[in-house]
Amino acid sequence: NLLALLAFGHDLAAASLAWYMAFWLRFNLELPP
């Protein structure tokens, strides 16, 4: 339903953000090429 779709979209966005932040923190806030 609409709420489930919103929650699903939220979690996918959280997954992408967490993946990027993990790289970002691993390299001290600056990603090498």
PDB file of all heavy atoms in Angstrom:
ATOM      1  N   ASN A   1       0.865  -1.175   0.000  1.00  0.00           N
ATOM      2  CA  ASN A   1       0.000   0.000   0.000  1.00  0.00           C
ATOM      3  C   ASN A   1       0.901   1.223   0.000  1.00  0.00           C
ATOM      4  O   ASN A   1       2.130   1.104  -0.052  1.00  0.00           O
ATOM      5  CB  ASN A   1      -0.963  -0.009   1.192  1.00  0.00           C
ATOM      6  CG  ASN A   1      -0.220  -0.086   2.515  1.00  0.00           C
ATOM      7  OD1 ASN A   1       0.909   0.396   2.641  1.00  0.00           O
ATOM      8  ND2 ASN A   1      -0.860  -0.699   3.509  1.00  0.00           N
ATOM      9  N   LEU A   2       0.333   2.374   0.046  1.00  0.00           N
ATOM     10  CA  LEU A   2       1.107   3.597  -0.086  1.00  0.00           C
ATOM     11  C   LEU A   2       2.145   3.734   1.028  1.00  0.00           C
ATOM     12  O   LEU A   2       3.311   4.063   0.776  1.00  0.00           O
ATOM     13  CB  LEU A   2       0.162   4.806  -0.083  1.00  0.00           C
ATOM     14  CG  LEU A   2       0.840   6.180  -0.178  1.00  0.00           C
ATOM     15  CD1 LEU A   2       1.646   6.280  -1.474  1.00  0.00           C
ATOM     16  CD2 LEU A   2      -0.200   7.292  -0.112  1.00  0.00           C
ATOM     17  N   LEU A   3       1.726   3.435   2.275  1.00  0.00           N
ATOM     18  CA  LEU A   3       2.659   3.570   3.399  1.00  0.00           C
ATOM     19  C   LEU A   3       3.808   2.575   3.283  1.00  0.00           C
ATOM     20  O   LEU A   3       4.957   2.895   3.600  1.00  0.00           O
ATOM     21  CB  LEU A   3       1.909   3.374   4.719  1.00  0.00           C
ATOM     22  CG  LEU A   3       0.908   4.472   5.087  1.00  0.00           C
ATOM     23  CD1 LEU A   3       0.186   4.130   6.378  1.00  0.00           C
ATOM     24  CD2 LEU A   3       1.627   5.819   5.231  1.00  0.00           C
ATOM     25  N   ALA A   4       3.490   1.346   2.870  1.00  0.00           N
ATOM     26  CA  ALA A   4       4.550   0.346   2.707  1.00  0.00           C
ATOM     27  C   ALA A   4       5.528   0.772   1.615  1.00  0.00           C
ATOM     28  O   ALA A   4       6.750   0.587   1.747  1.00  0.00           O
ATOM     29  CB  ALA A   4       3.935  -1.010   2.374  1.00  0.00           C
ATOM     30  N   LEU A   5       5.005   1.352   0.520  1.00  0.00           N
ATOM     31  CA  LEU A   5       5.878   1.829  -0.555  1.00  0.00           C
ATOM     32  C   LEU A   5       6.785   2.957  -0.064  1.00  0.00           C
ATOM     33  O   LEU A   5       7.975   3.010  -0.405  1.00  0.00           O
ATOM     34  CB  LEU A   5       5.040   2.304  -1.744  1.00  0.00           C
ATOM     35  CG  LEU A   5       4.434   1.203  -2.639  1.00  0.00           C
ATOM     36  CD1 LEU A   5       3.454   1.809  -3.619  1.00  0.00           C
ATOM     37  CD2 LEU A   5       5.556   0.477  -3.377  1.00  0.00           C
ATOM     38  N   LEU A   6       6.203   3.853   0.722  1.00  0.00           N
ATOM     39  CA  LEU A   6       7.024   4.942   1.271  1.00  0.00           C
ATOM     40  C   LEU A   6       8.110   4.394   2.192  1.00  0.00           C
ATOM     41  O   LEU A   6       9.268   4.836   2.147  1.00  0.00           O
ATOM     42  CB  LEU A   6       6.131   5.925   2.030  1.00  0.00           C
ATOM     43  CG  LEU A   6       5.208   6.804   1.161  1.00  0.00           C
ATOM     44  CD1 LEU A   6       4.274   7.619   2.066  1.00  0.00           C
ATOM     45  CD2 LEU A   6       6.037   7.746   0.287  1.00  0.00           C
ATOM     46  N   ALA A   7       7.750   3.434   3.041  1.00  0.00           N
ATOM     47  CA  ALA A   7       8.734   2.847   3.953  1.00  0.00           C
ATOM     48  C   ALA A   7       9.814   2.099   3.177  1.00  0.00           C
ATOM     49  O   ALA A   7      11.007   2.173   3.508  1.00  0.00           O
ATOM     50  CB  ALA A   7       8.036   1.906   4.933  1.00  0.00           C
ATOM     51  N   PHE A   8       9.391   1.385   2.122  1.00  0.00           N
ATOM     52  CA  PHE A   8      10.348   0.651   1.299  1.00  0.00           C
ATOM     53  C   PHE A   8      11.316   1.609   0.606  1.00  0.00           C
ATOM     54  O   PHE A   8      12.533   1.382   0.580  1.00  0.00           O
ATOM     55  CB  PHE A   8       9.574  -0.168   0.264  1.00  0.00           C
ATOM     56  CG  PHE A   8      10.435  -1.053  -0.589  1.00  0.00           C
ATOM     57  CD1 PHE A   8      11.157  -2.102  -0.024  1.00  0.00           C
ATOM     58  CD2 PHE A   8      10.524  -0.842  -1.958  1.00  0.00           C
ATOM     59  CE1 PHE A   8      11.947  -2.922  -0.814  1.00  0.00           C
ATOM     60  CE2 PHE A   8      11.320  -1.654  -2.751  1.00  0.00           C
ATOM     61  CZ  PHE A   8      12.027  -2.695  -2.179  1.00  0.00           C
ATOM     62  N   GLY A   9      10.768   2.695   0.068  1.00  0.00           N
ATOM     63  CA  GLY A   9      11.628   3.696  -0.559  1.00  0.00           C
ATOM     64  C   GLY A   9      12.573   4.341   0.437  1.00  0.00           C
ATOM     65  O   GLY A   9      13.755   4.591   0.124  1.00  0.00           O
ATOM     66  N   HIS A  10      12.074   4.599   1.636  1.00  0.00           N
ATOM     67  CA  HIS A  10      12.924   5.174   2.676  1.00  0.00           C
ATOM     68  C   HIS A  10      14.092   4.253   2.994  1.00  0.00           C
ATOM     69  O   HIS A  10      15.258   4.697   3.108  1.00  0.00           O
ATOM     70  CB  HIS A  10      12.099   5.426   3.941  1.00  0.00           C
ATOM     71  CG  HIS A  10      12.931   5.646   5.178  1.00  0.00           C
ATOM     72  ND1 HIS A  10      13.394   4.596   5.953  1.00  0.00           N
ATOM     73  CD2 HIS A  10      13.402   6.785   5.751  1.00  0.00           C
ATOM     74  CE1 HIS A  10      14.105   5.084   6.950  1.00  0.00           C
ATOM     75  NE2 HIS A  10      14.125   6.406   6.857  1.00  0.00           N
ATOM     76  N   ASP A  11      13.829   2.944   3.127  1.00  0.00           N
ATOM     77  CA  ASP A  11      14.892   2.008   3.498  1.00  0.00           C
ATOM     78  C   ASP A  11      15.927   1.848   2.380  1.00  0.00           C
ATOM     79  O   ASP A  11      17.133   1.694   2.641  1.00  0.00           O
ATOM     80  CB  ASP A  11      14.285   0.651   3.854  1.00  0.00           C
ATOM     81  CG  ASP A  11      13.517   0.701   5.172  1.00  0.00           C
ATOM     82  OD1 ASP A  11      13.701   1.681   5.932  1.00  0.00           O
ATOM     83  OD2 ASP A  11      12.753  -0.236   5.463  1.00  0.00           O
ATOM     84  N   LEU A  12      15.472   1.892   1.123  1.00  0.00           N
ATOM     85  CA  LEU A  12      16.432   1.826   0.015  1.00  0.00           C
ATOM     86  C   LEU A  12      17.319   3.070  -0.005  1.00  0.00           C
ATOM     87  O   LEU A  12      18.538   2.991  -0.255  1.00  0.00           O
ATOM     88  CB  LEU A  12      15.694   1.688  -1.322  1.00  0.00           C
ATOM     89  CG  LEU A  12      15.015   0.332  -1.590  1.00  0.00           C
ATOM     90  CD1 LEU A  12      14.334   0.346  -2.952  1.00  0.00           C
ATOM     91  CD2 LEU A  12      16.053  -0.789  -1.515  1.00  0.00           C
ATOM     92  N   ALA A  13      16.716   4.229   0.258  1.00  0.00           N
ATOM     93  CA  ALA A  13      17.503   5.457   0.326  1.00  0.00           C
ATOM     94  C   ALA A  13      18.489   5.388   1.490  1.00  0.00           C
ATOM     95  O   ALA A  13      19.657   5.818   1.367  1.00  0.00           O
ATOM     96  CB  ALA A  13      16.574   6.661   0.489  1.00  0.00           C
ATOM     97  N   ALA A  14      18.038   4.815   2.630  1.00  0.00           N
ATOM     98  CA  ALA A  14      18.925   4.670   3.784  1.00  0.00           C
ATOM     99  C   ALA A  14      20.072   3.728   3.449  1.00  0.00           C
ATOM    100  O   ALA A  14      21.226   3.952   3.865  1.00  0.00           O
ATOM    101  CB  ALA A  14      18.131   4.156   4.984  1.00  0.00           C
ATOM    102  N   ALA A  15      19.789   2.657   2.681  1.00  0.00           N
ATOM    103  CA  ALA A  15      20.840   1.698   2.314  1.00  0.00           C
ATOM    104  C   ALA A  15      21.895   2.357   1.427  1.00  0.00           C
ATOM    105  O   ALA A  15      23.108   2.147   1.614  1.00  0.00           O
ATOM    106  CB  ALA A  15      20.214   0.496   1.603  1.00  0.00           C
ATOM    107  N   SER A  16      21.442   3.161   0.460  1.00  0.00           N
ATOM    108  CA  SER A  16      22.406   3.837  -0.415  1.00  0.00           C
ATOM    109  C   SER A  16      23.234   4.856   0.365  1.00  0.00           C
ATOM    110  O   SER A  16      24.457   4.972   0.175  1.00  0.00           O
ATOM    111  CB  SER A  16      21.672   4.516  -1.575  1.00  0.00           C
ATOM    112  OG  SER A  16      20.784   5.515  -1.090  1.00  0.00           O
ATOM    113  N   LEU A  17      22.573   5.595   1.263  1.00  0.00           N
ATOM    114  CA  LEU A  17      23.282   6.593   2.057  1.00  0.00           C
ATOM    115  C   LEU A  17      24.284   5.923   2.995  1.00  0.00           C
ATOM    116  O   LEU A  17      25.430   6.399   3.146  1.00  0.00           O
ATOM    117  CB  LEU A  17      22.274   7.435   2.860  1.00  0.00           C
ATOM    118  CG  LEU A  17      22.868   8.524   3.752  1.00  0.00           C
ATOM    119  CD1 LEU A  17      23.667   9.532   2.906  1.00  0.00           C
ATOM    120  CD2 LEU A  17      21.760   9.235   4.524  1.00  0.00           C
ATOM    121  N   ALA A  18      23.887   4.810   3.623  1.00  0.00           N
ATOM    122  CA  ALA A  18      24.786   4.105   4.543  1.00  0.00           C
ATOM    123  C   ALA A  18      25.999   3.559   3.792  1.00  0.00           C
ATOM    124  O   ALA A  18      27.124   3.579   4.308  1.00  0.00           O
ATOM    125  CB  ALA A  18      24.034   2.967   5.233  1.00  0.00           C
ATOM    126  N   TRP A  19      25.786   3.052   2.557  1.00  0.00           N
ATOM    127  CA  TRP A  19      26.894   2.505   1.771  1.00  0.00           C
ATOM    128  C   TRP A  19      27.897   3.604   1.422  1.00  0.00           C
ATOM    129  O   TRP A  19      29.103   3.415   1.573  1.00  0.00           O
ATOM    130  CB  TRP A  19      26.339   1.858   0.502  1.00  0.00           C
ATOM    131  CG  TRP A  19      27.371   1.105  -0.285  1.00  0.00           C
ATOM    132  CD1 TRP A  19      28.093   1.563  -1.348  1.00  0.00           C
ATOM    133  CD2 TRP A  19      27.814  -0.226  -0.051  1.00  0.00           C
ATOM    134  NE1 TRP A  19      28.957   0.624  -1.818  1.00  0.00           N
ATOM    135  CE2 TRP A  19      28.805  -0.515  -1.030  1.00  0.00           C
ATOM    136  CE3 TRP A  19      27.476  -1.217   0.864  1.00  0.00           C
ATOM    137  CZ2 TRP A  19      29.452  -1.747  -1.101  1.00  0.00           C
ATOM    138  CZ3 TRP A  19      28.113  -2.450   0.787  1.00  0.00           C
ATOM    139  CH2 TRP A  19      29.087  -2.702  -0.176  1.00  0.00           C
ATOM    140  N   TYR A  20      27.384   4.766   0.997  1.00  0.00           N
ATOM    141  CA  TYR A  20      28.284   5.861   0.656  1.00  0.00           C
ATOM    142  C   TYR A  20      29.015   6.386   1.896  1.00  0.00           C
ATOM    143  O   TYR A  20      30.221   6.652   1.852  1.00  0.00           O
ATOM    144  CB  TYR A  20      27.503   6.999  -0.009  1.00  0.00           C
ATOM    145  CG  TYR A  20      28.395   8.109  -0.522  1.00  0.00           C
ATOM    146  CD1 TYR A  20      28.983   8.017  -1.783  1.00  0.00           C
ATOM    147  CD2 TYR A  20      28.676   9.225   0.265  1.00  0.00           C
ATOM    148  CE1 TYR A  20      29.827   9.022  -2.246  1.00  0.00           C
ATOM    149  CE2 TYR A  20      29.506  10.224  -0.181  1.00  0.00           C
ATOM    150  CZ  TYR A  20      30.084  10.121  -1.448  1.00  0.00           C
ATOM    151  OH  TYR A  20      30.927  11.117  -1.897  1.00  0.00           O
ATOM    152  N   MET A  21      28.274   6.521   3.015  1.00  0.00           N
ATOM    153  CA  MET A  21      28.893   7.037   4.240  1.00  0.00           C
ATOM    154  C   MET A  21      29.965   6.087   4.759  1.00  0.00           C
ATOM    155  O   MET A  21      30.970   6.527   5.340  1.00  0.00           O
ATOM    156  CB  MET A  21      27.825   7.252   5.327  1.00  0.00           C
ATOM    157  CG  MET A  21      26.909   8.450   5.060  1.00  0.00           C
ATOM    158  SD  MET A  21      25.641   8.611   6.333  1.00  0.00           S
ATOM    159  CE  MET A  21      26.657   8.965   7.768  1.00  0.00           C
ATOM    160  N   ALA A  22      29.763   4.775   4.565  1.00  0.00           N
ATOM    161  CA  ALA A  22      30.770   3.806   5.011  1.00  0.00           C
ATOM    162  C   ALA A  22      32.085   4.030   4.274  1.00  0.00           C
ATOM    163  O   ALA A  22      33.171   4.025   4.889  1.00  0.00           O
ATOM    164  CB  ALA A  22      30.252   2.388   4.781  1.00  0.00           C
ATOM    165  N   PHE A  23      32.022   4.248   2.947  1.00  0.00           N
ATOM    166  CA  PHE A  23      33.240   4.545   2.172  1.00  0.00           C
ATOM    167  C   PHE A  23      33.830   5.875   2.641  1.00  0.00           C
ATOM    168  O   PHE A  23      35.040   6.028   2.783  1.00  0.00           O
ATOM    169  CB  PHE A  23      32.905   4.595   0.669  1.00  0.00           C
ATOM    170  CG  PHE A  23      32.922   3.262  -0.004  1.00  0.00           C
ATOM    171  CD1 PHE A  23      31.839   2.392   0.099  1.00  0.00           C
ATOM    172  CD2 PHE A  23      34.037   2.874  -0.747  1.00  0.00           C
ATOM    173  CE1 PHE A  23      31.860   1.165  -0.530  1.00  0.00           C
ATOM    174  CE2 PHE A  23      34.062   1.651  -1.388  1.00  0.00           C
ATOM    175  CZ  PHE A  23      32.959   0.783  -1.281  1.00  0.00           C
ATOM    176  N   TRP A  24      32.966   6.834   2.800  1.00  0.00           N
ATOM    177  CA  TRP A  24      33.406   8.201   3.146  1.00  0.00           C
ATOM    178  C   TRP A  24      34.158   8.212   4.477  1.00  0.00           C
ATOM    179  O   TRP A  24      35.208   8.845   4.626  1.00  0.00           O
ATOM    180  CB  TRP A  24      32.154   9.082   3.193  1.00  0.00           C
ATOM    181  CG  TRP A  24      32.404  10.552   3.240  1.00  0.00           C
ATOM    182  CD1 TRP A  24      33.237  11.284   2.446  1.00  0.00           C
ATOM    183  CD2 TRP A  24      31.780  11.465   4.139  1.00  0.00           C
ATOM    184  NE1 TRP A  24      33.178  12.606   2.766  1.00  0.00           N
ATOM    185  CE2 TRP A  24      32.288  12.750   3.814  1.00  0.00           C
ATOM    186  CE3 TRP A  24      30.833  11.354   5.148  1.00  0.00           C
ATOM    187  CZ2 TRP A  24      31.883  13.897   4.507  1.00  0.00           C
ATOM    188  CZ3 TRP A  24      30.429  12.493   5.804  1.00  0.00           C
ATOM    189  CH2 TRP A  24      30.955  13.746   5.506  1.00  0.00           C
ATOM    190  N   LEU A  25      33.588   7.497   5.481  1.00  0.00           N
ATOM    191  CA  LEU A  25      34.244   7.437   6.794  1.00  0.00           C
ATOM    192  C   LEU A  25      35.532   6.614   6.737  1.00  0.00           C
ATOM    193  O   LEU A  25      36.501   6.916   7.446  1.00  0.00           O
ATOM    194  CB  LEU A  25      33.279   6.838   7.833  1.00  0.00           C
ATOM    195  CG  LEU A  25      32.048   7.687   8.191  1.00  0.00           C
ATOM    196  CD1 LEU A  25      31.100   6.898   9.088  1.00  0.00           C
ATOM    197  CD2 LEU A  25      32.479   8.980   8.897  1.00  0.00           C
ATOM    198  N   ARG A  26      35.518   5.561   5.908  1.00  0.00           N
ATOM    199  CA  ARG A  26      36.711   4.709   5.817  1.00  0.00           C
ATOM    200  C   ARG A  26      37.924   5.494   5.333  1.00  0.00           C
ATOM    201  O   ARG A  26      39.044   5.284   5.775  1.00  0.00           O
ATOM    202  CB  ARG A  26      36.401   3.549   4.857  1.00  0.00           C
ATOM    203  CG  ARG A  26      37.607   2.766   4.348  1.00  0.00           C
ATOM    204  CD  ARG A  26      38.343   2.056   5.472  1.00  0.00           C
ATOM    205  NE  ARG A  26      39.484   1.318   4.982  1.00  0.00           N
ATOM    206  CZ  ARG A  26      40.681   1.836   4.704  1.00  0.00           C
ATOM    207  NH1 ARG A  26      40.899   3.140   4.863  1.00  0.00           N
ATOM    208  NH2 ARG A  26      41.659   1.076   4.272  1.00  0.00           N
ATOM    209  N   PHE A  27      37.701   6.460   4.437  1.00  0.00           N
ATOM    210  CA  PHE A  27      38.809   7.223   3.887  1.00  0.00           C
ATOM    211  C   PHE A  27      38.856   8.647   4.444  1.00  0.00           C
ATOM    212  O   PHE A  27      39.277   9.584   3.760  1.00  0.00           O
ATOM    213  CB  PHE A  27      38.717   7.241   2.356  1.00  0.00           C
ATOM    214  CG  PHE A  27      38.944   5.888   1.739  1.00  0.00           C
ATOM    215  CD1 PHE A  27      37.872   5.143   1.272  1.00  0.00           C
ATOM    216  CD2 PHE A  27      40.227   5.356   1.662  1.00  0.00           C
ATOM    217  CE1 PHE A  27      38.073   3.894   0.710  1.00  0.00           C
ATOM    218  CE2 PHE A  27      40.430   4.099   1.097  1.00  0.00           C
ATOM    219  CZ  PHE A  27      39.361   3.356   0.619  1.00  0.00           C
ATOM    220  N   ASN A  28      38.427   8.802   5.677  1.00  0.00           N
ATOM    221  CA  ASN A  28      38.541  10.081   6.387  1.00  0.00           C
ATOM    222  C   ASN A  28      37.891  11.233   5.620  1.00  0.00           C
ATOM    223  O   ASN A  28      38.497  12.292   5.405  1.00  0.00           O
ATOM    224  CB  ASN A  28      40.004  10.410   6.690  1.00  0.00           C
ATOM    225  CG  ASN A  28      40.632   9.378   7.603  1.00  0.00           C
ATOM    226  OD1 ASN A  28      39.982   8.915   8.548  1.00  0.00           O
ATOM    227  ND2 ASN A  28      41.869   8.992   7.304  1.00  0.00           N
ATOM    228  N   LEU A  29      36.689  11.005   5.148  1.00  0.00           N
ATOM    229  CA  LEU A  29      35.834  12.010   4.529  1.00  0.00           C
ATOM    230  C   LEU A  29      36.311  12.459   3.151  1.00  0.00           C
ATOM    231  O   LEU A  29      35.864  13.483   2.632  1.00  0.00           O
ATOM    232  CB  LEU A  29      35.664  13.240   5.441  1.00  0.00           C
ATOM    233  CG  LEU A  29      35.353  12.960   6.925  1.00  0.00           C
ATOM    234  CD1 LEU A  29      35.129  14.269   7.659  1.00  0.00           C
ATOM    235  CD2 LEU A  29      34.135  12.059   7.047  1.00  0.00           C
ATOM    236  N   GLU A  30      37.213  11.703   2.527  1.00  0.00           N
ATOM    237  CA  GLU A  30      37.678  12.075   1.176  1.00  0.00           C
ATOM    238  C   GLU A  30      37.998  10.806   0.397  1.00  0.00           C
ATOM    239  O   GLU A  30      38.925  10.069   0.743  1.00  0.00           O
ATOM    240  CB  GLU A  30      38.925  12.953   1.264  1.00  0.00           C
ATOM    241  CG  GLU A  30      39.353  13.489  -0.102  1.00  0.00           C
ATOM    242  CD  GLU A  30      40.540  14.450   0.011  1.00  0.00           C
ATOM    243  OE1 GLU A  30      40.857  14.861   1.148  1.00  0.00           O
ATOM    244  OE2 GLU A  30      41.112  14.779  -1.020  1.00  0.00           O
ATOM    245  N   LEU A  31      37.215  10.505  -0.689  1.00  0.00           N
ATOM    246  CA  LEU A  31      37.370   9.265  -1.431  1.00  0.00           C
ATOM    247  C   LEU A  31      38.477   9.399  -2.482  1.00  0.00           C
ATOM    248  O   LEU A  31      38.441  10.314  -3.310  1.00  0.00           O
ATOM    249  CB  LEU A  31      36.060   8.908  -2.144  1.00  0.00           C
ATOM    250  CG  LEU A  31      34.881   8.475  -1.246  1.00  0.00           C
ATOM    251  CD1 LEU A  31      33.660   8.212  -2.099  1.00  0.00           C
ATOM    252  CD2 LEU A  31      35.245   7.254  -0.436  1.00  0.00           C
ATOM    253  N   PRO A  32      39.449   8.498  -2.489  1.00  0.00           N
ATOM    254  CA  PRO A  32      40.480   8.522  -3.551  1.00  0.00           C
ATOM    255  C   PRO A  32      39.885   8.018  -4.867  1.00  0.00           C
ATOM    256  O   PRO A  32      38.861   7.315  -4.881  1.00  0.00           O
ATOM    257  CB  PRO A  32      41.558   7.568  -3.014  1.00  0.00           C
ATOM    258  CG  PRO A  32      40.839   6.688  -2.056  1.00  0.00           C
ATOM    259  CD  PRO A  32      39.729   7.488  -1.474  1.00  0.00           C
ATOM    260  N   PRO A  33      40.492   8.349  -6.011  1.00  0.00           N
ATOM    261  CA  PRO A  33      39.933   8.033  -7.335  1.00  0.00           C
ATOM    262  C   PRO A  33      39.521   6.580  -7.544  1.00  0.00           C
ATOM    263  O   PRO A  33      38.410   6.343  -8.063  1.00  0.00           O
ATOM    264  CB  PRO A  33      41.047   8.445  -8.299  1.00  0.00           C
ATOM    265  CG  PRO A  33      41.750   9.532  -7.552  1.00  0.00           C
ATOM    266  CD  PRO A  33      41.705   9.166  -6.102  1.00  0.00           C
TER     267      PRO A  33
END
